[in-house]
Amino acid sequence: MKVCIVGLGAIGGWLAAHLQRLQDVRVSALARGDTLAAVSAHGLRLDIGGETWRAPLHASDDPAELGEQDLVILAVKGPAVAGVAAQVAQLCGTHTRVLTALNGLPWWFTAGLPVPGLSLASVDPGGRIAALLPPARVIGCVVHASCALREPGWVRHVMGNGLLLGEATGGSSAGLAEATALLTRAGFGAKAVDSIQREVFYKLWGNMTTNPVSALTRATTDRILADELVCEFTTAIMREAAVIGEKVGCPIAQSPQDRHAITRSLGAFKTSMLQDIEAGRAIETDALLAAPRELAQQVGAVTPMLDALLGLTRLMDAGRVRS
């Protein structure tokens, strides 16, 4: 089986390192710049469980060199999806599946919802990504794990091992079962679900506040929730988001307080968006905030707190100097 990772960052590197240990899987990566140079020189490295795994990995910046794949794992940041979609399409043959490990709401999110006519121009203007990577080709994946980059091509696993997989258009398939079995054999806690949209929205509901708030304040999650006023602000946004979820067929069973308790139990940690801010990388404002606001406008949900957080995050981001 041929598997290609597109986006060899923290999560992509973690996935690749595990898959590389399977003898019957040929793993490659589409990479560029410092990451391509590091992997070519040193192989892929993963710090996990007190050990450092080192694995040679065929990486290239040319999809034609890597060839047609059985499975492509897309693990780039949201802002980068549009820029790599054409290259991902070049890796695909008739039966290739594309598994997306992305934060926030992806371009295919509305394809499997019970509410017709919804769209997400905020993450796929003009439907250009969907034209290259149609939802019928996509297996959605929600990652319940935390990893960080030590340096290009060198990943540190922080915590978690869960992967939830589902067809972007709903239902089950042989391809979904095969991808789930593959990831299970690689050592992940992989599980197929009936509605990946519900799982995507639930994860969004939990991190669409702490991620941007951490980017604005440079605070770790424990400090965000310890501040009474900031905690109430995040709670208000989660209430608004729960209404959106109810209207689009992704109801939330928990209360914001239940979710806060889970976040507090994880201790002091930096969100992925805060890590991106500190590294000078692009942040996922559209997938985490603009996309749910776009859904809210389409289903008639009122979101003044979400609107405020989106505006503040955009304003902060516009004044940043990126590396």
C-alpha atoms as a PDB file:
ATOM      1  CA  MET A   1       0.000   0.000   0.000  1.00  0.00           C
ATOM      2  CA  LYS A   2       1.284   3.452  -0.889  1.00  0.00           C
ATOM      3  CA  VAL A   3       0.570   6.299   1.544  1.00  0.00           C
ATOM      4  CA  CYS A   4       1.694   9.901   1.093  1.00  0.00           C
ATOM      5  CA  ILE A   5       1.643  12.552   3.818  1.00  0.00           C
ATOM      6  CA  VAL A   6       1.032  16.096   2.651  1.00  0.00           C
ATOM      7  CA  GLY A   7       1.936  18.453   5.480  1.00  0.00           C
ATOM      8  CA  LEU A   8       4.832  17.014   7.450  1.00  0.00           C
ATOM      9  CA  GLY A   9       4.300  19.226  10.490  1.00  0.00           C
ATOM     10  CA  ALA A  10       3.526  18.133  14.029  1.00  0.00           C
ATOM     11  CA  ILE A  11       0.483  15.968  13.305  1.00  0.00           C
ATOM     12  CA  GLY A  12       1.594  14.877   9.837  1.00  0.00           C
ATOM     13  CA  GLY A  13       4.999  13.872  11.144  1.00  0.00           C
ATOM     14  CA  TRP A  14       3.442  11.945  14.026  1.00  0.00           C
ATOM     15  CA  LEU A  15       1.186  10.037  11.618  1.00  0.00           C
ATOM     16  CA  ALA A  16       4.028   9.363   9.180  1.00  0.00           C
ATOM     17  CA  ALA A  17       6.376   8.052  11.884  1.00  0.00           C
ATOM     18  CA  HIS A  18       3.832   5.481  13.027  1.00  0.00           C
ATOM     19  CA  LEU A  19       2.865   4.392   9.518  1.00  0.00           C
ATOM     20  CA  GLN A  20       6.524   4.073   8.544  1.00  0.00           C
ATOM     21  CA  ARG A  21       6.874   1.184  11.020  1.00  0.00           C
ATOM     22  CA  LEU A  22       4.482  -1.004   9.001  1.00  0.00           C
ATOM     23  CA  GLN A  23       6.456  -3.297   6.723  1.00  0.00           C
ATOM     24  CA  ASP A  24       3.757  -3.562   4.057  1.00  0.00           C
ATOM     25  CA  VAL A  25       3.233   0.198   3.667  1.00  0.00           C
ATOM     26  CA  ARG A  26       5.351   2.484   1.488  1.00  0.00           C
ATOM     27  CA  VAL A  27       5.219   5.903   3.124  1.00  0.00           C
ATOM     28  CA  SER A  28       6.316   9.080   1.401  1.00  0.00           C
ATOM     29  CA  ALA A  29       5.828  12.778   1.999  1.00  0.00           C
ATOM     30  CA  LEU A  30       5.219  15.836  -0.121  1.00  0.00           C
ATOM     31  CA  ALA A  31       7.377  18.465   1.560  1.00  0.00           C
ATOM     32  CA  ARG A  32       9.413  21.539   0.775  1.00  0.00           C
ATOM     33  CA  GLY A  33      11.934  23.995   2.178  1.00  0.00           C
ATOM     34  CA  ASP A  34      13.508  23.319   5.553  1.00  0.00           C
ATOM     35  CA  THR A  35      11.307  20.286   6.186  1.00  0.00           C
ATOM     36  CA  LEU A  36      12.343  18.611   2.942  1.00  0.00           C
ATOM     37  CA  ALA A  37      16.006  19.369   3.639  1.00  0.00           C
ATOM     38  CA  ALA A  38      15.816  18.037   7.207  1.00  0.00           C
ATOM     39  CA  VAL A  39      14.034  14.805   6.295  1.00  0.00           C
ATOM     40  CA  SER A  40      16.365  14.193   3.371  1.00  0.00           C
ATOM     41  CA  ALA A  41      19.410  14.679   5.613  1.00  0.00           C
ATOM     42  CA  HIS A  42      18.309  13.064   8.875  1.00  0.00           C
ATOM     43  CA  GLY A  43      15.128  11.127   8.195  1.00  0.00           C
ATOM     44  CA  LEU A  44      11.947  11.734  10.147  1.00  0.00           C
ATOM     45  CA  ARG A  45      12.311  11.947  13.936  1.00  0.00           C
ATOM     46  CA  LEU A  46       9.636  11.528  16.592  1.00  0.00           C
ATOM     47  CA  ASP A  47      10.067  11.917  20.344  1.00  0.00           C
ATOM     48  CA  ILE A  48       7.517   9.670  22.015  1.00  0.00           C
ATOM     49  CA  GLY A  49       7.339   7.811  25.319  1.00  0.00           C
ATOM     50  CA  GLY A  50      10.869   8.775  26.315  1.00  0.00           C
ATOM     51  CA  GLU A  51      12.333   7.497  23.029  1.00  0.00           C
ATOM     52  CA  THR A  52      13.310   9.071  19.742  1.00  0.00           C
ATOM     53  CA  TRP A  53      12.191   7.178  16.671  1.00  0.00           C
ATOM     54  CA  ARG A  54      14.253   7.760  13.560  1.00  0.00           C
ATOM     55  CA  ALA A  55      12.990   6.628  10.182  1.00  0.00           C
ATOM     56  CA  PRO A  56      14.150   7.183   6.622  1.00  0.00           C
ATOM     57  CA  LEU A  57      11.358   8.738   4.596  1.00  0.00           C
ATOM     58  CA  HIS A  58      11.129   9.364   0.875  1.00  0.00           C
ATOM     59  CA  ALA A  59      10.202  13.034   0.588  1.00  0.00           C
ATOM     60  CA  SER A  60       9.923  15.265  -2.450  1.00  0.00           C
ATOM     61  CA  ASP A  61       8.443  18.584  -3.483  1.00  0.00           C
ATOM     62  CA  ASP A  62       7.293  17.064  -6.785  1.00  0.00           C
ATOM     63  CA  PRO A  63       4.077  15.003  -6.737  1.00  0.00           C
ATOM     64  CA  ALA A  64       4.994  13.462 -10.096  1.00  0.00           C
ATOM     65  CA  GLU A  65       8.105  11.920  -8.494  1.00  0.00           C
ATOM     66  CA  LEU A  66       6.021  10.382  -5.696  1.00  0.00           C
ATOM     67  CA  GLY A  67       3.442   8.951  -8.084  1.00  0.00           C
ATOM     68  CA  GLU A  68      -0.108   7.736  -7.669  1.00  0.00           C
ATOM     69  CA  GLN A  69      -1.034   6.778  -4.097  1.00  0.00           C
ATOM     70  CA  ASP A  70      -3.595   4.523  -2.457  1.00  0.00           C
ATOM     71  CA  LEU A  71      -4.089   6.960   0.429  1.00  0.00           C
ATOM     72  CA  VAL A  72      -3.105  10.616   0.752  1.00  0.00           C
ATOM     73  CA  ILE A  73      -3.155  12.098   4.250  1.00  0.00           C
ATOM     74  CA  LEU A  74      -3.648  15.857   4.124  1.00  0.00           C
ATOM     75  CA  ALA A  75      -2.333  17.359   7.360  1.00  0.00           C
ATOM     76  CA  VAL A  76      -1.514  20.956   6.471  1.00  0.00           C
ATOM     77  CA  LYS A  77      -2.840  24.002   8.289  1.00  0.00           C
ATOM     78  CA  GLY A  78      -6.157  25.358   7.034  1.00  0.00           C
ATOM     79  CA  PRO A  79      -4.704  28.399   5.209  1.00  0.00           C
ATOM     80  CA  ALA A  80      -2.448  26.098   3.171  1.00  0.00           C
ATOM     81  CA  VAL A  81      -5.140  23.764   1.819  1.00  0.00           C
ATOM     82  CA  ALA A  82      -5.978  25.846  -1.260  1.00  0.00           C
ATOM     83  CA  GLY A  83      -2.305  26.074  -2.182  1.00  0.00           C
ATOM     84  CA  VAL A  84      -1.670  22.319  -2.094  1.00  0.00           C
ATOM     85  CA  ALA A  85      -4.996  21.014  -3.422  1.00  0.00           C
ATOM     86  CA  ALA A  86      -3.753  20.779  -7.017  1.00  0.00           C
ATOM     87  CA  GLN A  87      -0.660  18.836  -5.886  1.00  0.00           C
ATOM     88  CA  VAL A  88      -2.801  16.469  -3.821  1.00  0.00           C
ATOM     89  CA  ALA A  89      -4.975  15.886  -6.889  1.00  0.00           C
ATOM     90  CA  GLN A  90      -1.839  14.908  -8.838  1.00  0.00           C
ATOM     91  CA  LEU A  91      -1.199  12.141  -6.297  1.00  0.00           C
ATOM     92  CA  CYS A  92      -4.666  10.668  -6.860  1.00  0.00           C
ATOM     93  CA  GLY A  93      -5.742   7.906  -9.159  1.00  0.00           C
ATOM     94  CA  THR A  94      -9.236   6.580  -9.734  1.00  0.00           C
ATOM     95  CA  HIS A  95      -9.430   4.810  -6.381  1.00  0.00           C
ATOM     96  CA  THR A  96      -7.213   7.033  -4.212  1.00  0.00           C
ATOM     97  CA  ARG A  97      -8.763   8.258  -0.977  1.00  0.00           C
ATOM     98  CA  VAL A  98      -7.779  11.538   0.684  1.00  0.00           C
ATOM     99  CA  LEU A  99      -7.847  11.536   4.479  1.00  0.00           C
ATOM    100  CA  THR A 100      -7.934  15.018   6.011  1.00  0.00           C
ATOM    101  CA  ALA A 101      -6.476  15.720   9.443  1.00  0.00           C
ATOM    102  CA  LEU A 102      -7.409  19.392   9.750  1.00  0.00           C
ATOM    103  CA  ASN A 103      -8.555  21.794  12.439  1.00  0.00           C
ATOM    104  CA  GLY A 104     -11.878  23.595  12.219  1.00  0.00           C
ATOM    105  CA  LEU A 105     -14.465  23.243   9.474  1.00  0.00           C
ATOM    106  CA  PRO A 106     -13.011  21.926   6.175  1.00  0.00           C
ATOM    107  CA  TRP A 107     -14.271  22.528   2.649  1.00  0.00           C
ATOM    108  CA  TRP A 108     -16.196  19.238   2.605  1.00  0.00           C
ATOM    109  CA  PHE A 109     -18.037  19.801   5.907  1.00  0.00           C
ATOM    110  CA  THR A 110     -21.465  20.650   4.455  1.00  0.00           C
ATOM    111  CA  ALA A 111     -21.490  17.617   2.116  1.00  0.00           C
ATOM    112  CA  GLY A 112     -22.636  15.214   4.822  1.00  0.00           C
ATOM    113  CA  LEU A 113     -25.039  17.466   6.714  1.00  0.00           C
ATOM    114  CA  PRO A 114     -28.788  16.777   6.797  1.00  0.00           C
ATOM    115  CA  VAL A 115     -29.495  20.446   5.948  1.00  0.00           C
ATOM    116  CA  PRO A 116     -29.301  21.062   2.179  1.00  0.00           C
ATOM    117  CA  GLY A 117     -27.961  24.162   0.485  1.00  0.00           C
ATOM    118  CA  LEU A 118     -25.251  25.122   2.973  1.00  0.00           C
ATOM    119  CA  SER A 119     -21.818  26.232   1.768  1.00  0.00           C
ATOM    120  CA  LEU A 120     -18.518  27.451   3.175  1.00  0.00           C
ATOM    121  CA  ALA A 121     -17.005  30.077   0.891  1.00  0.00           C
ATOM    122  CA  SER A 122     -14.840  31.230   3.802  1.00  0.00           C
ATOM    123  CA  VAL A 123     -12.671  28.106   3.518  1.00  0.00           C
ATOM    124  CA  ASP A 124     -13.260  27.316  -0.176  1.00  0.00           C
ATOM    125  CA  PRO A 125     -13.933  30.478  -2.207  1.00  0.00           C
ATOM    126  CA  GLY A 126     -15.555  29.608  -5.507  1.00  0.00           C
ATOM    127  CA  GLY A 127     -15.504  25.893  -4.684  1.00  0.00           C
ATOM    128  CA  ARG A 128     -12.012  25.526  -6.136  1.00  0.00           C
ATOM    129  CA  ILE A 129     -10.825  22.987  -3.539  1.00  0.00           C
ATOM    130  CA  ALA A 130     -13.958  20.871  -3.899  1.00  0.00           C
ATOM    131  CA  ALA A 131     -13.478  20.806  -7.663  1.00  0.00           C
ATOM    132  CA  LEU A 132     -10.001  19.324  -7.220  1.00  0.00           C
ATOM    133  CA  LEU A 133     -10.790  17.154  -4.184  1.00  0.00           C
ATOM    134  CA  PRO A 134     -14.498  16.317  -4.250  1.00  0.00           C
ATOM    135  CA  PRO A 135     -16.076  15.270  -0.934  1.00  0.00           C
ATOM    136  CA  ALA A 136     -16.835  11.806  -2.315  1.00  0.00           C
ATOM    137  CA  ARG A 137     -13.067  11.157  -2.359  1.00  0.00           C
ATOM    138  CA  VAL A 138     -12.552  12.387   1.203  1.00  0.00           C
ATOM    139  CA  ILE A 139     -12.369  10.531   4.503  1.00  0.00           C
ATOM    140  CA  GLY A 140     -12.557  13.031   7.346  1.00  0.00           C
ATOM    141  CA  CYS A 141     -10.387  12.488  10.399  1.00  0.00           C
ATOM    142  CA  VAL A 142     -10.628  14.161  13.801  1.00  0.00           C
ATOM    143  CA  VAL A 143      -7.369  13.992  15.731  1.00  0.00           C
ATOM    144  CA  HIS A 144      -7.566  13.793  19.503  1.00  0.00           C
ATOM    145  CA  ALA A 145      -3.862  14.198  20.207  1.00  0.00           C
ATOM    146  CA  SER A 146      -1.338  16.957  20.758  1.00  0.00           C
ATOM    147  CA  CYS A 147       2.068  17.159  19.105  1.00  0.00           C
ATOM    148  CA  ALA A 148       4.616  19.921  18.627  1.00  0.00           C
ATOM    149  CA  LEU A 149       7.525  20.564  16.279  1.00  0.00           C
ATOM    150  CA  ARG A 150      10.962  20.634  17.853  1.00  0.00           C
ATOM    151  CA  GLU A 151      12.365  21.672  14.505  1.00  0.00           C
ATOM    152  CA  PRO A 152      11.568  20.837  10.856  1.00  0.00           C
ATOM    153  CA  GLY A 153      11.292  17.076  10.479  1.00  0.00           C
ATOM    154  CA  TRP A 154      11.463  16.471  14.242  1.00  0.00           C
ATOM    155  CA  VAL A 155       8.185  16.031  16.117  1.00  0.00           C
ATOM    156  CA  ARG A 156       7.458  15.720  19.830  1.00  0.00           C
ATOM    157  CA  HIS A 157       4.349  13.781  20.864  1.00  0.00           C
ATOM    158  CA  VAL A 158       2.693  15.502  23.833  1.00  0.00           C
ATOM    159  CA  MET A 159      -0.427  13.491  24.587  1.00  0.00           C
ATOM    160  CA  GLY A 160      -3.352  11.603  23.078  1.00  0.00           C
ATOM    161  CA  ASN A 161      -3.668   8.884  20.467  1.00  0.00           C
ATOM    162  CA  GLY A 162      -7.251   9.037  19.185  1.00  0.00           C
ATOM    163  CA  LEU A 163      -8.371   9.236  15.560  1.00  0.00           C
ATOM    164  CA  LEU A 164     -12.034   9.338  14.504  1.00  0.00           C
ATOM    165  CA  LEU A 165     -12.708   8.628  10.831  1.00  0.00           C
ATOM    166  CA  GLY A 166     -15.777   9.012   8.668  1.00  0.00           C
ATOM    167  CA  GLU A 167     -16.909   9.429   5.084  1.00  0.00           C
ATOM    168  CA  ALA A 168     -17.252  13.117   4.208  1.00  0.00           C
ATOM    169  CA  THR A 169     -20.513  12.346   2.413  1.00  0.00           C
ATOM    170  CA  GLY A 170     -21.790  10.089   5.194  1.00  0.00           C
ATOM    171  CA  GLY A 171     -22.336   6.376   5.516  1.00  0.00           C
ATOM    172  CA  SER A 172     -19.759   3.607   5.526  1.00  0.00           C
ATOM    173  CA  SER A 173     -17.519   2.117   2.865  1.00  0.00           C
ATOM    174  CA  ALA A 174     -14.776  -0.411   2.252  1.00  0.00           C
ATOM    175  CA  GLY A 175     -12.320   2.480   1.924  1.00  0.00           C
ATOM    176  CA  LEU A 176     -13.250   3.829   5.334  1.00  0.00           C
ATOM    177  CA  ALA A 177     -12.875   0.385   6.897  1.00  0.00           C
ATOM    178  CA  GLU A 178      -9.498  -0.098   5.203  1.00  0.00           C
ATOM    179  CA  ALA A 179      -8.163   3.287   6.381  1.00  0.00           C
ATOM    180  CA  THR A 180      -9.366   2.630   9.941  1.00  0.00           C
ATOM    181  CA  ALA A 181      -7.725  -0.803   9.991  1.00  0.00           C
ATOM    182  CA  LEU A 182      -4.473   0.628   8.627  1.00  0.00           C
ATOM    183  CA  LEU A 183      -4.257   3.304  11.315  1.00  0.00           C
ATOM    184  CA  THR A 184      -5.159   0.794  14.012  1.00  0.00           C
ATOM    185  CA  ARG A 185      -2.315  -1.470  12.883  1.00  0.00           C
ATOM    186  CA  ALA A 186       0.013   1.538  13.012  1.00  0.00           C
ATOM    187  CA  GLY A 187      -0.740   1.938  16.717  1.00  0.00           C
ATOM    188  CA  PHE A 188      -3.398   4.621  16.776  1.00  0.00           C
ATOM    189  CA  GLY A 189      -6.708   4.473  18.613  1.00  0.00           C
ATOM    190  CA  ALA A 190      -8.625   4.666  15.337  1.00  0.00           C
ATOM    191  CA  LYS A 191     -12.408   4.343  15.126  1.00  0.00           C
ATOM    192  CA  ALA A 192     -14.898   4.737  12.283  1.00  0.00           C
ATOM    193  CA  VAL A 193     -17.967   6.870  13.031  1.00  0.00           C
ATOM    194  CA  ASP A 194     -21.315   7.325  11.313  1.00  0.00           C
ATOM    195  CA  SER A 195     -21.152  11.138  11.197  1.00  0.00           C
ATOM    196  CA  ILE A 196     -17.704  12.702  10.979  1.00  0.00           C
ATOM    197  CA  GLN A 197     -19.407  16.116  10.773  1.00  0.00           C
ATOM    198  CA  ARG A 198     -20.653  15.735  14.348  1.00  0.00           C
ATOM    199  CA  GLU A 199     -17.168  14.856  15.548  1.00  0.00           C
ATOM    200  CA  VAL A 200     -15.617  17.746  13.624  1.00  0.00           C
ATOM    201  CA  PHE A 201     -18.117  20.190  15.071  1.00  0.00           C
ATOM    202  CA  TYR A 202     -17.688  18.857  18.602  1.00  0.00           C
ATOM    203  CA  LYS A 203     -13.926  19.363  18.443  1.00  0.00           C
ATOM    204  CA  LEU A 204     -14.453  22.831  16.959  1.00  0.00           C
ATOM    205  CA  TRP A 205     -16.848  23.664  19.798  1.00  0.00           C
ATOM    206  CA  GLY A 206     -14.098  22.862  22.265  1.00  0.00           C
ATOM    207  CA  ASN A 207     -11.233  24.758  20.639  1.00  0.00           C
ATOM    208  CA  MET A 208     -12.751  27.627  18.656  1.00  0.00           C
ATOM    209  CA  THR A 209     -12.489  29.821  21.762  1.00  0.00           C
ATOM    210  CA  THR A 210      -9.285  28.853  23.547  1.00  0.00           C
ATOM    211  CA  ASN A 211      -7.255  28.823  20.324  1.00  0.00           C
ATOM    212  CA  PRO A 212      -8.010  32.405  19.242  1.00  0.00           C
ATOM    213  CA  VAL A 213      -8.054  33.732  22.819  1.00  0.00           C
ATOM    214  CA  SER A 214      -4.615  32.230  23.396  1.00  0.00           C
ATOM    215  CA  ALA A 215      -3.391  33.856  20.178  1.00  0.00           C
ATOM    216  CA  LEU A 216      -4.713  37.236  21.320  1.00  0.00           C
ATOM    217  CA  THR A 217      -3.399  37.020  24.885  1.00  0.00           C
ATOM    218  CA  ARG A 218      -0.420  34.601  24.595  1.00  0.00           C
ATOM    219  CA  ALA A 219      -1.932  32.761  27.581  1.00  0.00           C
ATOM    220  CA  THR A 220      -2.001  29.008  28.146  1.00  0.00           C
ATOM    221  CA  THR A 221      -5.373  27.309  28.532  1.00  0.00           C
ATOM    222  CA  ASP A 222      -5.222  27.110  32.308  1.00  0.00           C
ATOM    223  CA  ARG A 223      -4.829  30.882  32.583  1.00  0.00           C
ATOM    224  CA  ILE A 224      -7.644  31.495  30.085  1.00  0.00           C
ATOM    225  CA  LEU A 225     -10.126  29.437  32.092  1.00  0.00           C
ATOM    226  CA  ALA A 226      -8.868  30.753  35.442  1.00  0.00           C
ATOM    227  CA  ASP A 227      -9.875  34.300  34.524  1.00  0.00           C
ATOM    228  CA  GLU A 228     -13.552  34.633  35.402  1.00  0.00           C
ATOM    229  CA  LEU A 229     -14.357  37.225  32.728  1.00  0.00           C
ATOM    230  CA  VAL A 230     -12.481  35.476  29.937  1.00  0.00           C
ATOM    231  CA  CYS A 231     -13.982  32.120  30.895  1.00  0.00           C
ATOM    232  CA  GLU A 232     -17.482  33.605  30.679  1.00  0.00           C
ATOM    233  CA  PHE A 233     -16.632  35.091  27.279  1.00  0.00           C
ATOM    234  CA  THR A 234     -15.612  31.658  25.984  1.00  0.00           C
ATOM    235  CA  THR A 235     -18.733  30.132  27.531  1.00  0.00           C
ATOM    236  CA  ALA A 236     -20.957  32.646  25.734  1.00  0.00           C
ATOM    237  CA  ILE A 237     -19.357  31.789  22.378  1.00  0.00           C
ATOM    238  CA  MET A 238     -19.799  28.078  23.040  1.00  0.00           C
ATOM    239  CA  ARG A 239     -23.495  28.658  23.723  1.00  0.00           C
ATOM    240  CA  GLU A 240     -23.806  30.450  20.390  1.00  0.00           C
ATOM    241  CA  ALA A 241     -21.909  27.663  18.614  1.00  0.00           C
ATOM    242  CA  ALA A 242     -24.144  25.013  20.179  1.00  0.00           C
ATOM    243  CA  VAL A 243     -27.148  26.724  18.563  1.00  0.00           C
ATOM    244  CA  ILE A 244     -25.396  26.601  15.192  1.00  0.00           C
ATOM    245  CA  GLY A 245     -24.654  22.918  15.712  1.00  0.00           C
ATOM    246  CA  GLU A 246     -28.282  22.165  16.568  1.00  0.00           C
ATOM    247  CA  LYS A 247     -29.477  23.913  13.414  1.00  0.00           C
ATOM    248  CA  VAL A 248     -27.086  22.078  11.074  1.00  0.00           C
ATOM    249  CA  GLY A 249     -27.531  18.605  12.543  1.00  0.00           C
ATOM    250  CA  CYS A 250     -24.517  18.530  14.859  1.00  0.00           C
ATOM    251  CA  PRO A 251     -26.032  18.855  18.348  1.00  0.00           C
ATOM    252  CA  ILE A 252     -23.750  19.220  21.365  1.00  0.00           C
ATOM    253  CA  ALA A 253     -24.674  17.076  24.369  1.00  0.00           C
ATOM    254  CA  GLN A 254     -22.251  18.686  26.832  1.00  0.00           C
ATOM    255  CA  SER A 255     -22.481  22.011  28.615  1.00  0.00           C
ATOM    256  CA  PRO A 256     -19.637  24.531  28.250  1.00  0.00           C
ATOM    257  CA  GLN A 257     -18.787  23.877  31.901  1.00  0.00           C
ATOM    258  CA  ASP A 258     -18.383  20.162  31.158  1.00  0.00           C
ATOM    259  CA  ARG A 259     -15.954  20.987  28.377  1.00  0.00           C
ATOM    260  CA  HIS A 260     -14.055  23.482  30.530  1.00  0.00           C
ATOM    261  CA  ALA A 261     -13.541  20.733  33.105  1.00  0.00           C
ATOM    262  CA  ILE A 262     -11.951  18.509  30.457  1.00  0.00           C
ATOM    263  CA  THR A 263      -9.678  21.323  29.301  1.00  0.00           C
ATOM    264  CA  ARG A 264      -8.650  22.134  32.876  1.00  0.00           C
ATOM    265  CA  SER A 265      -7.759  18.486  33.475  1.00  0.00           C
ATOM    266  CA  LEU A 266      -5.123  18.730  30.725  1.00  0.00           C
ATOM    267  CA  GLY A 267      -3.178  21.336  32.693  1.00  0.00           C
ATOM    268  CA  ALA A 268      -1.232  24.271  31.289  1.00  0.00           C
ATOM    269  CA  PHE A 269      -0.621  23.871  27.580  1.00  0.00           C
ATOM    270  CA  LYS A 270      -0.214  26.052  24.519  1.00  0.00           C
ATOM    271  CA  THR A 271      -2.892  25.721  21.872  1.00  0.00           C
ATOM    272  CA  SER A 272      -1.881  24.978  18.297  1.00  0.00           C
ATOM    273  CA  MET A 273      -2.783  28.534  17.320  1.00  0.00           C
ATOM    274  CA  LEU A 274      -0.545  29.987  20.024  1.00  0.00           C
ATOM    275  CA  GLN A 275       2.287  27.764  18.785  1.00  0.00           C
ATOM    276  CA  ASP A 276       1.677  29.106  15.265  1.00  0.00           C
ATOM    277  CA  ILE A 277       1.726  32.692  16.529  1.00  0.00           C
ATOM    278  CA  GLU A 278       5.030  32.158  18.317  1.00  0.00           C
ATOM    279  CA  ALA A 279       6.534  30.511  15.238  1.00  0.00           C
ATOM    280  CA  GLY A 280       5.343  33.272  12.911  1.00  0.00           C
ATOM    281  CA  ARG A 281       3.111  30.918  10.937  1.00  0.00           C
ATOM    282  CA  ALA A 282      -0.314  31.598   9.427  1.00  0.00           C
ATOM    283  CA  ILE A 283      -3.225  30.929  11.778  1.00  0.00           C
ATOM    284  CA  GLU A 284      -6.490  29.132  11.099  1.00  0.00           C
ATOM    285  CA  THR A 285      -8.905  32.000  11.631  1.00  0.00           C
ATOM    286  CA  ASP A 286     -11.208  31.082   8.759  1.00  0.00           C
ATOM    287  CA  ALA A 287     -11.623  27.402   9.643  1.00  0.00           C
ATOM    288  CA  LEU A 288     -12.120  28.061  13.371  1.00  0.00           C
ATOM    289  CA  LEU A 289     -14.172  31.256  13.334  1.00  0.00           C
ATOM    290  CA  ALA A 290     -15.214  32.557   9.910  1.00  0.00           C
ATOM    291  CA  ALA A 291     -16.671  29.209   8.798  1.00  0.00           C
ATOM    292  CA  PRO A 292     -18.982  28.694  11.798  1.00  0.00           C
ATOM    293  CA  ARG A 293     -20.051  32.340  11.530  1.00  0.00           C
ATOM    294  CA  GLU A 294     -20.869  31.752   7.853  1.00  0.00           C
ATOM    295  CA  LEU A 295     -23.015  28.774   8.820  1.00  0.00           C
ATOM    296  CA  ALA A 296     -24.723  30.877  11.490  1.00  0.00           C
ATOM    297  CA  GLN A 297     -25.679  33.490   8.922  1.00  0.00           C
ATOM    298  CA  GLN A 298     -27.137  30.819   6.635  1.00  0.00           C
ATOM    299  CA  VAL A 299     -29.274  29.194   9.343  1.00  0.00           C
ATOM    300  CA  GLY A 300     -30.342  32.384  11.122  1.00  0.00           C
ATOM    301  CA  ALA A 301     -28.314  32.016  14.336  1.00  0.00           C
ATOM    302  CA  VAL A 302     -27.294  35.202  16.161  1.00  0.00           C
ATOM    303  CA  THR A 303     -23.620  35.238  17.205  1.00  0.00           C
ATOM    304  CA  PRO A 304     -22.466  38.584  18.663  1.00  0.00           C
ATOM    305  CA  MET A 305     -19.716  37.037  20.815  1.00  0.00           C
ATOM    306  CA  LEU A 306     -18.380  34.877  17.976  1.00  0.00           C
ATOM    307  CA  ASP A 307     -18.453  37.921  15.709  1.00  0.00           C
ATOM    308  CA  ALA A 308     -16.415  39.904  18.232  1.00  0.00           C
ATOM    309  CA  LEU A 309     -13.789  37.182  18.585  1.00  0.00           C
ATOM    310  CA  LEU A 310     -13.506  36.833  14.807  1.00  0.00           C
ATOM    311  CA  GLY A 311     -13.071  40.592  14.399  1.00  0.00           C
ATOM    312  CA  LEU A 312     -10.432  40.822  17.127  1.00  0.00           C
ATOM    313  CA  THR A 313      -8.502  37.844  15.792  1.00  0.00           C
ATOM    314  CA  ARG A 314      -8.505  39.211  12.243  1.00  0.00           C
ATOM    315  CA  LEU A 315      -7.339  42.598  13.464  1.00  0.00           C
ATOM    316  CA  MET A 316      -4.508  41.071  15.484  1.00  0.00           C
ATOM    317  CA  ASP A 317      -3.469  38.852  12.586  1.00  0.00           C
ATOM    318  CA  ALA A 318      -3.398  41.741  10.116  1.00  0.00           C
ATOM    319  CA  GLY A 319      -0.722  43.460  12.199  1.00  0.00           C
ATOM    320  CA  ARG A 320       1.585  40.443  12.531  1.00  0.00           C
ATOM    321  CA  VAL A 321       4.965  39.962  10.930  1.00  0.00           C
ATOM    322  CA  ARG A 322       5.219  36.394   9.611  1.00  0.00           C
ATOM    323  CA  SER A 323       8.376  34.396   9.134  1.00  0.00           C
END
